[in-house]
Amino acid sequence: MDPETKKVLEENLRLSQDTNEIVHKVWGAQRWARVFRILYWVFIAAAVTGVFYYIQPYIQPYIQSILGAYSGAASGIQDIQDRAQALPDAKTISNFINNIIGSQ
Protein backbone atom coordinates (compact mmCIF):
# COMPACT_ATOMS: atom_id res chain seq x y z
CA MET A 1 0.00 0.00 0.00
CA ASP A 2 1.44 3.35 -0.94
CA PRO A 3 2.00 5.99 1.79
CA GLU A 4 -0.69 8.37 0.47
CA THR A 5 -3.45 5.73 0.64
CA LYS A 6 -2.25 4.65 4.07
CA LYS A 7 -2.35 8.27 5.26
CA VAL A 8 -5.90 8.74 3.92
CA LEU A 9 -7.07 5.49 5.54
CA GLU A 10 -5.54 6.44 8.89
CA GLU A 11 -7.21 9.88 8.69
CA ASN A 12 -10.52 8.21 7.82
CA LEU A 13 -10.15 5.82 10.77
CA ARG A 14 -9.38 8.70 13.14
CA LEU A 15 -12.41 10.66 11.92
CA SER A 16 -14.62 7.58 12.25
CA GLN A 17 -13.44 7.04 15.82
CA ASP A 18 -14.06 10.70 16.66
CA THR A 19 -17.52 10.51 15.11
CA ASN A 20 -18.27 7.31 17.00
CA GLU A 21 -17.19 8.93 20.27
CA ILE A 22 -19.40 11.97 19.62
CA VAL A 23 -22.38 9.77 18.71
CA HIS A 24 -21.99 7.80 21.95
CA LYS A 25 -21.88 11.04 23.94
CA VAL A 26 -25.05 12.25 22.19
CA TRP A 27 -26.80 8.96 22.97
CA GLY A 28 -25.79 9.26 26.61
CA ALA A 29 -27.06 12.83 26.76
CA GLN A 30 -30.36 11.76 25.19
CA ARG A 31 -30.69 8.91 27.68
CA TRP A 32 -30.18 11.28 30.62
CA ALA A 33 -32.56 13.81 29.09
CA ARG A 34 -35.22 11.10 28.80
CA VAL A 35 -34.68 10.03 32.43
CA PHE A 36 -34.96 13.60 33.68
CA ARG A 37 -38.03 14.26 31.51
CA ILE A 38 -39.76 11.21 33.01
CA LEU A 39 -38.78 12.30 36.52
CA TYR A 40 -40.06 15.81 35.75
CA TRP A 41 -43.51 14.54 34.75
CA VAL A 42 -43.65 12.09 37.64
CA PHE A 43 -42.86 14.97 40.00
CA ILE A 44 -45.58 17.13 38.46
CA ALA A 45 -48.16 14.32 38.65
CA ALA A 46 -47.22 13.61 42.26
CA ALA A 47 -47.38 17.30 43.15
CA VAL A 48 -50.83 17.70 41.59
CA THR A 49 -52.08 14.57 43.34
CA GLY A 50 -50.60 15.70 46.64
CA VAL A 51 -52.03 19.18 46.38
CA PHE A 52 -55.47 17.79 45.55
CA TYR A 53 -55.24 15.35 48.46
CA TYR A 54 -54.37 18.10 50.92
CA ILE A 55 -56.87 20.71 49.71
CA GLN A 56 -59.72 18.28 49.12
CA PRO A 57 -61.28 18.85 52.58
CA TYR A 58 -61.34 22.58 51.89
CA ILE A 59 -62.89 22.36 48.43
CA GLN A 60 -65.29 19.46 49.13
CA PRO A 61 -68.19 21.78 50.19
CA TYR A 62 -67.79 23.75 46.96
CA ILE A 63 -67.74 20.59 44.88
CA GLN A 64 -70.92 19.39 46.61
CA SER A 65 -72.66 22.72 45.98
CA ILE A 66 -71.63 22.64 42.31
CA LEU A 67 -72.93 19.09 41.95
CA GLY A 68 -76.15 20.09 43.69
CA ALA A 69 -76.58 23.05 41.35
CA TYR A 70 -75.95 20.78 38.39
CA SER A 71 -78.55 18.25 39.51
CA GLY A 72 -81.01 21.09 40.17
CA ALA A 73 -80.41 22.49 36.71
CA ALA A 74 -80.76 19.04 35.15
CA SER A 75 -84.10 18.47 36.88
CA GLY A 76 -85.23 21.96 35.81
CA ILE A 77 -84.34 21.24 32.20
CA GLN A 78 -86.18 17.91 32.38
CA ASP A 79 -89.23 19.72 33.80
CA ILE A 80 -89.15 22.23 30.94
CA GLN A 81 -88.88 19.42 28.40
CA ASP A 82 -91.84 17.60 29.98
CA ARG A 83 -93.97 20.75 29.88
CA ALA A 84 -92.97 21.43 26.26
CA GLN A 85 -94.11 17.94 25.27
CA ALA A 86 -97.41 18.50 27.06
CA LEU A 87 -98.17 21.56 24.92
CA PRO A 88 -100.54 21.07 21.98
CA ASP A 89 -99.09 20.97 18.50
CA ALA A 90 -99.69 23.62 15.80
CA LYS A 91 -102.54 21.69 14.13
CA THR A 92 -104.54 21.53 17.38
CA ILE A 93 -104.03 25.26 17.98
CA SER A 94 -105.06 26.03 14.39
CA ASN A 95 -108.24 23.96 14.73
CA PHE A 96 -109.04 25.69 18.02
CA ILE A 97 -108.65 29.14 16.45
CA ASN A 98 -110.75 28.14 13.42
CA ASN A 99 -113.50 26.85 15.74
CA ILE A 100 -113.53 30.13 17.66
CA ILE A 101 -113.60 32.23 14.50
CA GLY A 102 -116.15 29.94 12.81
CA SER A 103 -118.58 30.09 15.77
CA GLN A 104 -118.91 33.88 15.61
C-alpha atoms as a PDB file:
ATOM      1  CA  MET A   1       0.000   0.000   0.000  1.00  0.00           C
ATOM      2  CA  ASP A   2       1.438   3.351  -0.942  1.00  0.00           C
ATOM      3  CA  PRO A   3       2.003   5.993   1.786  1.00  0.00           C
ATOM      4  CA  GLU A   4      -0.688   8.371   0.467  1.00  0.00           C
ATOM      5  CA  THR A   5      -3.445   5.732   0.643  1.00  0.00           C
ATOM      6  CA  LYS A   6      -2.254   4.652   4.072  1.00  0.00           C
ATOM      7  CA  LYS A   7      -2.347   8.270   5.256  1.00  0.00           C
ATOM      8  CA  VAL A   8      -5.900   8.741   3.916  1.00  0.00           C
ATOM      9  CA  LEU A   9      -7.068   5.489   5.539  1.00  0.00           C
ATOM     10  CA  GLU A  10      -5.541   6.443   8.891  1.00  0.00           C
ATOM     11  CA  GLU A  11      -7.209   9.876   8.693  1.00  0.00           C
ATOM     12  CA  ASN A  12     -10.518   8.213   7.824  1.00  0.00           C
ATOM     13  CA  LEU A  13     -10.146   5.818  10.770  1.00  0.00           C
ATOM     14  CA  ARG A  14      -9.379   8.703  13.140  1.00  0.00           C
ATOM     15  CA  LEU A  15     -12.407  10.659  11.917  1.00  0.00           C
ATOM     16  CA  SER A  16     -14.622   7.578  12.248  1.00  0.00           C
ATOM     17  CA  GLN A  17     -13.436   7.041  15.817  1.00  0.00           C
ATOM     18  CA  ASP A  18     -14.063  10.698  16.665  1.00  0.00           C
ATOM     19  CA  THR A  19     -17.518  10.512  15.107  1.00  0.00           C
ATOM     20  CA  ASN A  20     -18.275   7.306  17.004  1.00  0.00           C
ATOM     21  CA  GLU A  21     -17.193   8.925  20.272  1.00  0.00           C
ATOM     22  CA  ILE A  22     -19.397  11.974  19.624  1.00  0.00           C
ATOM     23  CA  VAL A  23     -22.379   9.766  18.715  1.00  0.00           C
ATOM     24  CA  HIS A  24     -21.994   7.802  21.955  1.00  0.00           C
ATOM     25  CA  LYS A  25     -21.875  11.042  23.939  1.00  0.00           C
ATOM     26  CA  VAL A  26     -25.052  12.254  22.194  1.00  0.00           C
ATOM     27  CA  TRP A  27     -26.799   8.960  22.970  1.00  0.00           C
ATOM     28  CA  GLY A  28     -25.791   9.261  26.607  1.00  0.00           C
ATOM     29  CA  ALA A  29     -27.061  12.830  26.759  1.00  0.00           C
ATOM     30  CA  GLN A  30     -30.360  11.764  25.195  1.00  0.00           C
ATOM     31  CA  ARG A  31     -30.694   8.912  27.682  1.00  0.00           C
ATOM     32  CA  TRP A  32     -30.180  11.276  30.619  1.00  0.00           C
ATOM     33  CA  ALA A  33     -32.561  13.811  29.090  1.00  0.00           C
ATOM     34  CA  ARG A  34     -35.216  11.101  28.804  1.00  0.00           C
ATOM     35  CA  VAL A  35     -34.680  10.027  32.425  1.00  0.00           C
ATOM     36  CA  PHE A  36     -34.964  13.596  33.679  1.00  0.00           C
ATOM     37  CA  ARG A  37     -38.027  14.265  31.512  1.00  0.00           C
ATOM     38  CA  ILE A  38     -39.760  11.212  33.006  1.00  0.00           C
ATOM     39  CA  LEU A  39     -38.776  12.305  36.520  1.00  0.00           C
ATOM     40  CA  TYR A  40     -40.060  15.811  35.753  1.00  0.00           C
ATOM     41  CA  TRP A  41     -43.508  14.545  34.750  1.00  0.00           C
ATOM     42  CA  VAL A  42     -43.649  12.087  37.643  1.00  0.00           C
ATOM     43  CA  PHE A  43     -42.856  14.965  39.998  1.00  0.00           C
ATOM     44  CA  ILE A  44     -45.578  17.134  38.456  1.00  0.00           C
ATOM     45  CA  ALA A  45     -48.162  14.324  38.645  1.00  0.00           C
ATOM     46  CA  ALA A  46     -47.216  13.609  42.262  1.00  0.00           C
ATOM     47  CA  ALA A  47     -47.377  17.304  43.146  1.00  0.00           C
ATOM     48  CA  VAL A  48     -50.828  17.699  41.594  1.00  0.00           C
ATOM     49  CA  THR A  49     -52.080  14.572  43.342  1.00  0.00           C
ATOM     50  CA  GLY A  50     -50.603  15.696  46.644  1.00  0.00           C
ATOM     51  CA  VAL A  51     -52.035  19.183  46.382  1.00  0.00           C
ATOM     52  CA  PHE A  52     -55.472  17.794  45.547  1.00  0.00           C
ATOM     53  CA  TYR A  53     -55.240  15.346  48.456  1.00  0.00           C
ATOM     54  CA  TYR A  54     -54.371  18.099  50.923  1.00  0.00           C
ATOM     55  CA  ILE A  55     -56.873  20.710  49.705  1.00  0.00           C
ATOM     56  CA  GLN A  56     -59.723  18.276  49.125  1.00  0.00           C
ATOM     57  CA  PRO A  57     -61.284  18.848  52.585  1.00  0.00           C
ATOM     58  CA  TYR A  58     -61.345  22.577  51.895  1.00  0.00           C
ATOM     59  CA  ILE A  59     -62.895  22.356  48.426  1.00  0.00           C
ATOM     60  CA  GLN A  60     -65.286  19.458  49.133  1.00  0.00           C
ATOM     61  CA  PRO A  61     -68.186  21.776  50.186  1.00  0.00           C
ATOM     62  CA  TYR A  62     -67.790  23.751  46.961  1.00  0.00           C
ATOM     63  CA  ILE A  63     -67.744  20.588  44.878  1.00  0.00           C
ATOM     64  CA  GLN A  64     -70.917  19.389  46.612  1.00  0.00           C
ATOM     65  CA  SER A  65     -72.657  22.716  45.976  1.00  0.00           C
ATOM     66  CA  ILE A  66     -71.626  22.637  42.315  1.00  0.00           C
ATOM     67  CA  LEU A  67     -72.929  19.087  41.953  1.00  0.00           C
ATOM     68  CA  GLY A  68     -76.155  20.088  43.691  1.00  0.00           C
ATOM     69  CA  ALA A  69     -76.583  23.045  41.354  1.00  0.00           C
ATOM     70  CA  TYR A  70     -75.951  20.777  38.386  1.00  0.00           C
ATOM     71  CA  SER A  71     -78.546  18.249  39.510  1.00  0.00           C
ATOM     72  CA  GLY A  72     -81.008  21.088  40.167  1.00  0.00           C
ATOM     73  CA  ALA A  73     -80.407  22.494  36.708  1.00  0.00           C
ATOM     74  CA  ALA A  74     -80.758  19.044  35.148  1.00  0.00           C
ATOM     75  CA  SER A  75     -84.098  18.473  36.880  1.00  0.00           C
ATOM     76  CA  GLY A  76     -85.233  21.963  35.813  1.00  0.00           C
ATOM     77  CA  ILE A  77     -84.337  21.241  32.205  1.00  0.00           C
ATOM     78  CA  GLN A  78     -86.178  17.908  32.376  1.00  0.00           C
ATOM     79  CA  ASP A  79     -89.228  19.722  33.803  1.00  0.00           C
ATOM     80  CA  ILE A  80     -89.146  22.233  30.945  1.00  0.00           C
ATOM     81  CA  GLN A  81     -88.880  19.420  28.404  1.00  0.00           C
ATOM     82  CA  ASP A  82     -91.841  17.599  29.978  1.00  0.00           C
ATOM     83  CA  ARG A  83     -93.969  20.747  29.876  1.00  0.00           C
ATOM     84  CA  ALA A  84     -92.966  21.427  26.264  1.00  0.00           C
ATOM     85  CA  GLN A  85     -94.110  17.942  25.271  1.00  0.00           C
ATOM     86  CA  ALA A  86     -97.412  18.495  27.055  1.00  0.00           C
ATOM     87  CA  LEU A  87     -98.169  21.565  24.924  1.00  0.00           C
ATOM     88  CA  PRO A  88    -100.538  21.070  21.980  1.00  0.00           C
ATOM     89  CA  ASP A  89     -99.094  20.971  18.495  1.00  0.00           C
ATOM     90  CA  ALA A  90     -99.687  23.619  15.803  1.00  0.00           C
ATOM     91  CA  LYS A  91    -102.542  21.689  14.135  1.00  0.00           C
ATOM     92  CA  THR A  92    -104.539  21.527  17.382  1.00  0.00           C
ATOM     93  CA  ILE A  93    -104.029  25.255  17.976  1.00  0.00           C
ATOM     94  CA  SER A  94    -105.065  26.031  14.385  1.00  0.00           C
ATOM     95  CA  ASN A  95    -108.240  23.964  14.732  1.00  0.00           C
ATOM     96  CA  PHE A  96    -109.037  25.692  18.021  1.00  0.00           C
ATOM     97  CA  ILE A  97    -108.647  29.144  16.447  1.00  0.00           C
ATOM     98  CA  ASN A  98    -110.751  28.141  13.421  1.00  0.00           C
ATOM     99  CA  ASN A  99    -113.501  26.849  15.742  1.00  0.00           C
ATOM    100  CA  ILE A 100    -113.529  30.131  17.664  1.00  0.00           C
ATOM    101  CA  ILE A 101    -113.603  32.225  14.499  1.00  0.00           C
ATOM    102  CA  GLY A 102    -116.150  29.943  12.811  1.00  0.00           C
ATOM    103  CA  SER A 103    -118.579  30.089  15.772  1.00  0.00           C
ATOM    104  CA  GLN A 104    -118.913  33.880  15.613  1.00  0.00           C
END
